[in-house]
Amino acid sequence: MGTPSRRKAAEDAEVIVVGAGPAGSTAATYLARAGLDVLLLEKSTFPREKVCGDGLTPRGVKQLIDLGIDTREEAGWLQNKGLRVVGGGVTLELDWPDLATFPPYGVVRTRQDFDEMLARTAQRAGARLLEQTNVTGAVVDDRSGRVVGVSAKVGPERSPVTYRAPVVLACDGVSARLALSVGLDKIESRPMGVAVRRYYASPRSKDDYLESHLELWDRSGPEPRLLPGYGWIFGMGDGTVNVGLGILSTSKAFGKTDYRALMRSWLDGTPEEWGFREHNATGKIGGAALPMGFNRTPHYARGLLLVGDAGGMVNPFNGEGIGYAMESAKLAAECVVQALARPEGPARERALAGYPVALKQALGSYYRLGNIFSRLIGNPLVMRTATKYGLPRTTLMKLVLKLLAGLYDPKDGDAFDRMITAATRIAPSV
């Protein structure tokens, strides 16, 4: 005899997860493995493109390992051993720190491949994936004010459908359509980023380091010109390189810049032999917004949990989103599993309300520091000074790497780890 379902007659699942990106697929996998009936709704079809740097630091790799994903090179991942930082006339190669909490390597993989792999992992765990299902808003119970499902348009003909469940996870990315449908707007004082990226055929495809450019120079004119933002060069290992740049909302140039032109200006100034020229491009320039530092809250309200980009989970220190989306998804799934083991009512609500608490404990103080940091480096003078005087100091930069990538052991770490942990304890939570 199978276990009887906890689903009510009018319900389509025990949990609805909206969006099959890293946040949604991770949450759906953990929920399904715990025996819950999960409906995973995705607006597009796999495989699909996403604008991203395609690189994960060890913090993101830990989430993959926790999920049971094989991250070896034999399984199609390109591993890297650290970050190469370029700026102020200095190039510094910083190996990922050797920690108990996180593995000593990062990985690179295209989002087209990556997202589908995570979605299929969720399916294998037992989640029901429905593609071409474009969720348009939340269904709210008139009497209780709770979110009890979602409305969607399905298939090429966009037929209207309603799906119901007692708990809904909004993993619908930066658009945050579900959150907006129940009046949860973004917090304008929290930082946002914009990223643009393009793939190029390049001899720099195989690289042991992720490369970050803290200064972007336009050398195409008679005088070199410093551009706002920071750049990255991530070798994909397949003959191509993912090249992109990010700019923060704390910069005066934010929203007033043609980002694609900005990227072309930077790349025209890079060495010809790197191959970052129009005729070597393997696709068009893509752009995306990066919601940072918990820029949409509350992360739980009346049956709806905000996970990943929908809740502003991008790290304001370094623009990394995938690892933190997966991290928040794991926390959300744990709270939902506990909640649905309880009867409807106050006891279940207490378990669900544990999600924003767990998020704050994990990331709240760290993100508060990150939000301050993003305001500081939005000032070009601060950025130039930090690059000029900080980069030549290798020991200082090792500390900076740990801070920016969130790579520190909070319990049994070294002196740097203890400094970062102390700073996050002093800082109030976001």
Protein backbone atom coordinates (compact mmCIF):
# COMPACT_ATOMS: atom_id res chain seq x y z
CA MET A 1 0.00 0.00 0.00
CA GLY A 2 1.30 3.48 -0.93
CA THR A 3 1.23 6.41 1.44
CA PRO A 4 -2.09 8.27 1.13
CA SER A 5 -1.73 11.77 -0.35
CA ARG A 6 -2.30 14.78 1.88
CA ARG A 7 -3.83 16.60 -1.07
CA LYS A 8 -7.39 17.85 -0.70
CA ALA A 9 -9.93 17.19 -3.44
CA ALA A 10 -9.71 20.73 -4.85
CA GLU A 11 -5.88 20.81 -4.80
CA ASP A 12 -3.51 19.95 -7.65
CA ALA A 13 -0.42 19.41 -5.47
CA GLU A 14 0.85 19.76 -1.92
CA VAL A 15 3.34 22.40 -3.07
CA ILE A 16 3.50 24.50 -6.25
CA VAL A 17 6.94 25.74 -7.31
CA VAL A 18 6.87 28.50 -9.92
CA GLY A 19 9.98 28.65 -12.13
CA ALA A 20 12.41 25.84 -12.93
CA GLY A 21 15.63 27.82 -12.66
CA PRO A 22 18.24 26.86 -10.04
CA ALA A 23 16.03 28.02 -7.15
CA GLY A 24 12.86 26.25 -8.30
CA SER A 25 14.47 23.00 -9.40
CA THR A 26 16.52 22.77 -6.20
CA ALA A 27 13.49 23.38 -3.99
CA ALA A 28 11.38 20.91 -6.00
CA THR A 29 14.09 18.24 -5.69
CA TYR A 30 14.32 18.51 -1.90
CA LEU A 31 10.53 18.66 -1.49
CA ALA A 32 9.94 15.64 -3.74
CA ARG A 33 12.69 13.64 -2.01
CA ALA A 34 10.88 14.31 1.28
CA GLY A 35 7.80 12.61 -0.20
CA LEU A 36 5.74 15.69 -1.03
CA ASP A 37 3.59 15.98 -4.17
CA VAL A 38 5.27 18.85 -6.05
CA LEU A 39 4.13 20.67 -9.18
CA LEU A 40 7.01 22.55 -10.88
CA LEU A 41 5.80 25.13 -13.41
CA GLU A 42 8.16 26.56 -16.06
CA LYS A 43 7.16 29.21 -18.61
CA SER A 44 9.64 28.11 -21.32
CA THR A 45 10.82 24.71 -22.55
CA PHE A 46 14.18 23.06 -21.96
CA PRO A 47 16.90 23.51 -23.02
CA ARG A 48 16.75 27.30 -22.63
CA GLU A 49 19.22 30.18 -22.50
CA LYS A 50 19.81 32.44 -19.49
CA VAL A 51 22.02 35.49 -19.25
CA CYS A 52 24.66 34.64 -16.66
CA GLY A 53 28.39 34.40 -16.11
CA ASP A 54 28.05 30.58 -15.98
CA GLY A 55 30.62 30.42 -13.17
CA LEU A 56 30.09 29.11 -9.65
CA THR A 57 32.38 29.78 -6.71
CA PRO A 58 32.93 26.98 -4.17
CA ARG A 59 29.91 28.29 -2.27
CA GLY A 60 27.71 27.41 -5.25
CA VAL A 61 29.51 24.10 -5.81
CA LYS A 62 28.64 23.08 -2.24
CA GLN A 63 24.95 23.44 -3.12
CA LEU A 64 25.40 21.17 -6.14
CA ILE A 65 27.19 18.57 -4.03
CA ASP A 66 24.46 18.76 -1.35
CA LEU A 67 21.91 18.09 -4.10
CA GLY A 68 23.83 14.97 -5.18
CA ILE A 69 25.15 16.44 -8.45
CA ASP A 70 28.43 14.98 -9.73
CA THR A 71 30.71 18.03 -10.15
CA ARG A 72 33.75 16.18 -11.52
CA GLU A 73 35.25 17.16 -14.87
CA GLU A 74 34.29 13.68 -16.16
CA ALA A 75 30.66 14.70 -15.60
CA GLY A 76 30.99 17.72 -17.90
CA TRP A 77 32.09 20.47 -15.51
CA LEU A 78 35.11 22.70 -16.04
CA GLN A 79 36.70 23.11 -12.63
CA ASN A 80 38.78 26.11 -11.58
CA LYS A 81 41.07 26.66 -8.64
CA GLY A 82 40.57 30.33 -7.89
CA LEU A 83 40.01 33.90 -9.01
CA ARG A 84 42.35 36.03 -11.09
CA VAL A 85 41.86 39.70 -10.24
CA VAL A 86 43.02 42.34 -12.72
CA GLY A 87 43.15 46.06 -11.94
CA GLY A 88 45.43 48.97 -11.11
CA GLY A 89 48.16 47.56 -13.32
CA VAL A 90 48.27 44.42 -11.15
CA THR A 91 47.20 40.83 -11.91
CA LEU A 92 46.73 38.61 -8.87
CA GLU A 93 45.86 34.89 -8.85
CA LEU A 94 44.06 33.94 -5.64
CA ASP A 95 43.37 30.26 -5.02
CA TRP A 96 40.04 29.38 -3.44
CA PRO A 97 40.60 28.99 0.32
CA ASP A 98 41.03 25.55 1.89
CA LEU A 99 37.97 25.25 4.14
CA ALA A 100 35.95 22.67 6.02
CA THR A 101 32.64 24.20 4.86
CA PHE A 102 33.23 24.55 1.10
CA PRO A 103 35.12 22.55 -1.56
CA PRO A 104 38.44 23.94 -2.88
CA TYR A 105 37.22 24.42 -6.47
CA GLY A 106 34.71 26.40 -8.51
CA VAL A 107 33.01 25.22 -11.71
CA VAL A 108 31.82 26.57 -15.04
CA ARG A 109 28.94 25.23 -17.14
CA THR A 110 26.52 26.89 -19.56
CA ARG A 111 23.13 27.80 -18.09
CA GLN A 112 21.43 26.12 -21.04
CA ASP A 113 22.89 22.81 -19.91
CA PHE A 114 22.93 23.57 -16.17
CA ASP A 115 19.28 24.56 -15.75
CA GLU A 116 17.98 21.57 -17.67
CA MET A 117 20.14 19.21 -15.61
CA LEU A 118 18.69 20.61 -12.37
CA ALA A 119 15.13 20.41 -13.73
CA ARG A 120 15.64 16.76 -14.71
CA THR A 121 17.07 16.09 -11.24
CA ALA A 122 13.81 17.43 -9.78
CA GLN A 123 11.81 15.21 -12.13
CA ARG A 124 13.81 12.12 -11.16
CA ALA A 125 13.11 12.95 -7.50
CA GLY A 126 9.37 12.82 -8.31
CA ALA A 127 8.44 16.44 -9.02
CA ARG A 128 5.93 16.93 -11.87
CA LEU A 129 7.42 19.42 -14.32
CA LEU A 130 5.03 21.31 -16.60
CA GLU A 131 6.80 23.35 -19.29
CA GLN A 132 5.20 26.13 -21.38
CA THR A 133 3.22 27.10 -18.28
CA ASN A 134 3.43 30.86 -17.83
CA VAL A 135 2.23 31.81 -14.34
CA THR A 136 0.52 35.21 -14.39
CA GLY A 137 -0.35 35.70 -10.71
CA ALA A 138 -1.34 34.27 -7.37
CA VAL A 139 -4.78 32.92 -6.51
CA VAL A 140 -5.77 34.41 -3.14
CA ASP A 141 -8.53 33.06 -0.89
CA ASP A 142 -11.10 35.82 -0.30
CA ARG A 143 -11.77 34.88 3.30
CA SER A 144 -8.28 34.13 4.65
CA GLY A 145 -6.19 36.33 2.32
CA ARG A 146 -3.85 33.37 1.81
CA VAL A 147 -2.21 32.41 -1.46
CA VAL A 148 -3.86 29.09 -2.36
CA GLY A 149 -2.61 28.61 -5.92
CA VAL A 150 -1.63 30.30 -9.15
CA SER A 151 -3.26 31.28 -12.42
CA ALA A 152 -1.35 30.47 -15.60
CA LYS A 153 -1.49 30.42 -19.38
CA VAL A 154 -0.53 27.04 -20.81
CA GLY A 155 0.87 25.85 -24.12
CA PRO A 156 1.29 27.67 -27.44
CA GLU A 157 -2.39 28.65 -27.39
CA ARG A 158 -1.97 30.15 -23.88
CA SER A 159 -5.06 28.52 -22.42
CA PRO A 160 -5.97 29.90 -18.96
CA VAL A 161 -5.53 27.36 -16.13
CA THR A 162 -5.59 27.52 -12.32
CA TYR A 163 -3.49 25.28 -10.08
CA ARG A 164 -4.11 25.03 -6.35
CA ALA A 165 -1.93 24.02 -3.38
CA PRO A 166 -1.66 25.07 0.29
CA VAL A 167 1.91 26.40 -0.21
CA VAL A 168 3.42 28.22 -3.21
CA LEU A 169 7.11 28.94 -3.81
CA ALA A 170 7.85 31.95 -6.02
CA CYS A 171 11.06 31.03 -7.87
CA ASP A 172 10.13 33.13 -10.91
CA GLY A 173 13.31 35.20 -11.01
CA VAL A 174 13.87 38.92 -11.28
CA SER A 175 10.41 39.53 -12.84
CA ALA A 176 8.91 38.44 -9.47
CA ARG A 177 5.48 38.35 -11.09
CA LEU A 178 3.96 36.31 -8.28
CA ALA A 179 5.24 38.65 -5.55
CA LEU A 180 4.04 41.69 -7.48
CA SER A 181 0.58 40.12 -7.91
CA VAL A 182 0.16 40.17 -4.11
CA GLY A 183 1.64 43.66 -3.67
CA LEU A 184 5.23 42.81 -2.67
CA ASP A 185 7.32 45.53 -4.35
CA LYS A 186 11.09 45.75 -4.40
CA ILE A 187 12.90 47.87 -1.83
CA GLU A 188 14.42 50.71 -3.83
CA SER A 189 17.16 51.42 -1.27
CA ARG A 190 18.69 47.95 -1.80
CA PRO A 191 21.23 47.57 -4.64
CA MET A 192 20.44 46.23 -8.09
CA GLY A 193 22.91 45.21 -10.74
CA VAL A 194 22.78 44.92 -14.51
CA ALA A 195 24.88 42.32 -16.30
CA VAL A 196 25.52 41.86 -20.02
CA ARG A 197 27.41 38.94 -21.49
CA ARG A 198 28.41 37.37 -24.79
CA TYR A 199 30.19 34.21 -25.90
CA TYR A 200 33.30 34.41 -28.10
CA ALA A 201 35.42 31.76 -29.77
CA SER A 202 38.76 32.30 -28.04
CA PRO A 203 42.09 30.62 -27.28
CA ARG A 204 41.42 31.54 -23.62
CA SER A 205 38.70 28.88 -23.36
CA LYS A 206 40.56 26.62 -20.92
CA ASP A 207 41.58 28.49 -17.77
CA ASP A 208 42.33 27.36 -14.23
CA TYR A 209 40.98 30.67 -12.89
CA LEU A 210 37.83 32.72 -13.16
CA GLU A 211 38.99 36.19 -14.21
CA SER A 212 37.61 39.43 -12.78
CA HIS A 213 38.52 42.90 -14.12
CA LEU A 214 38.02 45.57 -11.48
CA GLU A 215 38.74 48.33 -13.98
CA LEU A 216 37.23 48.47 -17.45
CA TRP A 217 39.24 50.58 -19.88
CA ASP A 218 38.08 51.88 -23.22
CA ARG A 219 41.33 52.10 -25.18
CA SER A 220 39.70 52.55 -28.59
CA GLY A 221 40.08 56.37 -28.55
CA PRO A 222 43.16 58.62 -28.36
CA GLU A 223 43.02 58.64 -24.53
CA PRO A 224 42.22 55.60 -22.32
CA ARG A 225 38.88 56.08 -20.56
CA LEU A 226 37.81 54.32 -17.34
CA LEU A 227 34.33 52.83 -17.67
CA PRO A 228 31.87 52.16 -14.82
CA GLY A 229 31.43 48.59 -13.62
CA TYR A 230 33.54 45.43 -13.47
CA GLY A 231 34.11 42.71 -16.03
CA TRP A 232 34.60 38.95 -16.14
CA ILE A 233 36.23 36.45 -18.47
CA PHE A 234 35.19 32.85 -17.81
CA GLY A 235 36.65 30.15 -20.08
CA MET A 236 33.98 27.56 -20.91
CA GLY A 237 36.44 24.79 -21.86
CA ASP A 238 34.72 24.17 -25.21
CA GLY A 239 36.59 26.69 -27.37
CA THR A 240 34.45 29.59 -26.19
CA VAL A 241 34.66 32.19 -23.41
CA ASN A 242 31.83 33.87 -21.51
CA VAL A 243 32.74 37.56 -21.33
CA GLY A 244 30.57 40.05 -19.51
CA LEU A 245 30.34 43.13 -17.37
CA GLY A 246 28.25 44.24 -14.45
CA ILE A 247 27.30 47.68 -13.19
CA LEU A 248 25.69 48.53 -9.84
CA SER A 249 22.68 50.75 -9.18
CA THR A 250 24.92 52.65 -6.73
CA SER A 251 26.93 53.95 -9.72
CA LYS A 252 25.88 57.31 -11.20
CA ALA A 253 26.09 55.68 -14.64
CA PHE A 254 23.37 53.12 -13.76
CA GLY A 255 20.33 53.39 -16.00
CA LYS A 256 21.96 56.06 -18.19
CA THR A 257 24.36 53.77 -20.01
CA ASP A 258 24.17 51.75 -23.20
CA TYR A 259 25.56 48.58 -21.64
CA ARG A 260 26.11 46.81 -24.94
CA ALA A 261 28.14 49.77 -26.25
CA LEU A 262 30.01 49.84 -22.94
CA MET A 263 30.96 46.20 -23.34
CA ARG A 264 32.11 46.70 -26.93
CA SER A 265 34.26 49.66 -25.80
CA TRP A 266 35.93 47.51 -23.15
CA LEU A 267 36.48 44.49 -25.40
CA ASP A 268 37.87 46.61 -28.26
CA GLY A 269 40.61 47.60 -25.83
CA THR A 270 41.55 44.00 -24.96
CA PRO A 271 44.43 42.26 -26.81
CA GLU A 272 43.52 41.18 -30.35
CA GLU A 273 44.81 37.65 -29.74
CA TRP A 274 42.18 37.03 -27.05
CA GLY A 275 39.61 37.01 -29.83
CA PHE A 276 36.99 39.27 -28.26
CA ARG A 277 35.97 40.84 -31.57
CA GLU A 278 32.70 40.88 -33.50
CA HIS A 279 33.70 38.20 -36.03
CA ASN A 280 34.49 35.72 -33.21
CA ALA A 281 31.19 36.20 -31.38
CA THR A 282 29.11 33.01 -31.21
CA GLY A 283 25.87 34.73 -30.19
CA LYS A 284 24.34 38.10 -29.44
CA ILE A 285 24.90 40.23 -26.33
CA GLY A 286 22.36 39.36 -23.64
CA GLY A 287 21.44 41.45 -20.60
CA ALA A 288 19.78 40.76 -17.24
CA ALA A 289 19.01 42.54 -13.98
CA LEU A 290 20.55 41.27 -10.72
CA PRO A 291 18.32 41.78 -7.64
CA MET A 292 20.64 41.98 -4.63
CA GLY A 293 20.78 42.06 -0.86
CA PHE A 294 17.22 40.85 -0.08
CA ASN A 295 15.63 43.61 -2.17
CA ARG A 296 12.13 42.12 -1.90
CA THR A 297 10.57 41.15 1.43
CA PRO A 298 8.86 39.63 3.35
CA HIS A 299 10.27 36.34 2.15
CA TYR A 300 7.25 34.55 3.57
CA ALA A 301 3.70 35.86 3.78
CA ARG A 302 0.31 34.10 3.75
CA GLY A 303 1.30 30.87 2.00
CA LEU A 304 3.85 32.40 -0.43
CA LEU A 305 7.63 31.98 -0.11
CA LEU A 306 10.05 34.11 -2.18
CA VAL A 307 13.11 32.12 -3.24
CA GLY A 308 16.21 33.04 -5.27
CA ASP A 309 16.11 36.15 -7.47
CA ALA A 310 12.41 36.68 -6.65
CA GLY A 311 13.53 37.52 -3.10
CA GLY A 312 16.68 39.45 -4.12
CA MET A 313 19.15 36.71 -3.17
CA VAL A 314 22.07 37.84 -5.39
CA ASN A 315 25.22 38.48 -3.35
CA PRO A 316 25.80 42.29 -3.33
CA PHE A 317 29.55 41.73 -2.88
CA ASN A 318 30.18 39.82 -6.12
CA GLY A 319 26.96 39.48 -8.16
CA GLU A 320 26.81 35.69 -7.69
CA GLY A 321 23.23 34.45 -7.82
CA ILE A 322 23.06 30.72 -8.59
CA GLY A 323 24.61 29.43 -5.37
CA TYR A 324 22.49 31.71 -3.20
CA ALA A 325 19.32 30.83 -5.13
CA MET A 326 20.01 27.17 -4.39
CA GLU A 327 20.89 27.93 -0.77
CA SER A 328 17.62 29.78 -0.20
CA ALA A 329 15.74 26.97 -1.98
CA LYS A 330 17.16 24.39 0.40
CA LEU A 331 16.13 26.48 3.44
CA ALA A 332 12.65 27.02 1.97
CA ALA A 333 12.20 23.31 1.29
CA GLU A 334 13.21 22.38 4.84
CA CYS A 335 10.63 24.77 6.31
CA VAL A 336 7.87 23.61 3.94
CA VAL A 337 8.53 19.93 4.71
CA GLN A 338 8.20 20.67 8.43
CA ALA A 339 5.09 22.82 7.87
CA LEU A 340 3.18 20.25 5.84
CA ALA A 341 3.80 17.61 8.50
CA ARG A 342 1.66 19.78 10.81
CA PRO A 343 -2.08 20.43 10.76
CA GLU A 344 -3.36 23.54 9.00
CA GLY A 345 -3.40 26.57 11.27
CA PRO A 346 -1.03 28.26 13.72
CA ALA A 347 1.43 25.34 14.04
CA ARG A 348 1.93 25.16 10.26
CA GLU A 349 2.29 28.94 10.05
CA ARG A 350 5.02 28.91 12.69
CA ALA A 351 7.03 26.43 10.62
CA LEU A 352 6.62 28.50 7.43
CA ALA A 353 7.56 31.70 9.29
CA GLY A 354 10.84 29.95 10.09
CA TYR A 355 11.98 30.48 6.49
CA PRO A 356 12.76 34.23 6.67
CA VAL A 357 14.35 33.62 10.08
CA ALA A 358 16.62 30.93 8.62
CA LEU A 359 17.51 33.23 5.69
CA LYS A 360 18.43 36.06 8.04
CA GLN A 361 20.57 33.74 10.15
CA ALA A 362 22.36 32.41 7.06
CA LEU A 363 22.79 35.60 5.04
CA GLY A 364 21.14 38.63 6.65
CA SER A 365 24.14 40.26 8.34
CA TYR A 366 26.48 39.31 5.50
CA TYR A 367 24.13 40.94 2.99
CA ARG A 368 23.85 44.07 5.15
CA LEU A 369 27.65 44.39 4.87
CA GLY A 370 27.37 43.72 1.13
CA ASN A 371 24.78 46.46 0.67
CA ILE A 372 27.14 48.95 2.39
CA PHE A 373 30.03 47.69 0.24
CA SER A 374 28.03 48.19 -2.98
CA ARG A 375 27.28 51.80 -2.00
CA LEU A 376 30.99 52.45 -1.38
CA ILE A 377 32.27 50.98 -4.66
CA GLY A 378 29.52 52.77 -6.60
CA ASN A 379 31.78 55.80 -6.12
CA PRO A 380 34.51 55.61 -8.81
CA LEU A 381 37.05 57.36 -6.54
CA VAL A 382 36.60 54.75 -3.80
CA MET A 383 36.86 51.95 -6.36
CA ARG A 384 40.02 53.40 -7.94
CA THR A 385 41.66 53.98 -4.55
CA ALA A 386 40.78 50.46 -3.32
CA THR A 387 42.13 48.93 -6.53
CA LYS A 388 45.34 50.98 -6.49
CA TYR A 389 46.26 50.39 -2.84
CA GLY A 390 44.53 47.08 -2.13
CA LEU A 391 45.42 44.88 -5.09
CA PRO A 392 49.21 44.88 -4.62
CA ARG A 393 48.74 43.52 -1.07
CA THR A 394 48.26 39.76 -1.55
CA THR A 395 47.48 39.01 2.10
CA LEU A 396 44.79 41.70 2.18
CA MET A 397 43.33 40.41 -1.09
CA LYS A 398 43.05 36.89 0.35
CA LEU A 399 40.85 38.36 3.07
CA VAL A 400 38.88 40.34 0.47
CA LEU A 401 38.32 37.18 -1.63
CA LYS A 402 36.94 35.33 1.39
CA LEU A 403 34.62 38.22 2.18
CA LEU A 404 33.44 38.88 -1.37
CA ALA A 405 32.76 35.22 -2.19
CA GLY A 406 31.34 34.34 1.24
CA LEU A 407 34.02 31.67 1.64
CA TYR A 408 34.85 31.42 5.32
CA ASP A 409 34.45 28.84 8.08
CA PRO A 410 32.19 30.43 10.70
CA LYS A 411 33.23 28.00 13.47
CA ASP A 412 36.79 26.68 13.18
CA GLY A 413 38.38 29.01 10.64
CA ASP A 414 41.59 31.00 10.54
CA ALA A 415 42.12 34.60 11.68
CA PHE A 416 40.50 35.98 8.49
CA ASP A 417 37.46 33.75 8.98
CA ARG A 418 37.13 34.94 12.57
CA MET A 419 37.33 38.59 11.44
CA ILE A 420 34.56 38.10 8.83
CA THR A 421 32.41 36.13 11.27
CA ALA A 422 32.83 38.88 13.90
CA ALA A 423 31.89 41.55 11.35
CA THR A 424 28.71 39.69 10.39
CA ARG A 425 27.80 39.31 14.07
CA ILE A 426 28.20 43.04 14.69
CA ALA A 427 26.24 44.03 11.58
CA PRO A 428 22.46 44.13 12.01
CA SER A 429 20.58 41.76 9.75
CA VAL A 430 18.97 43.04 6.53
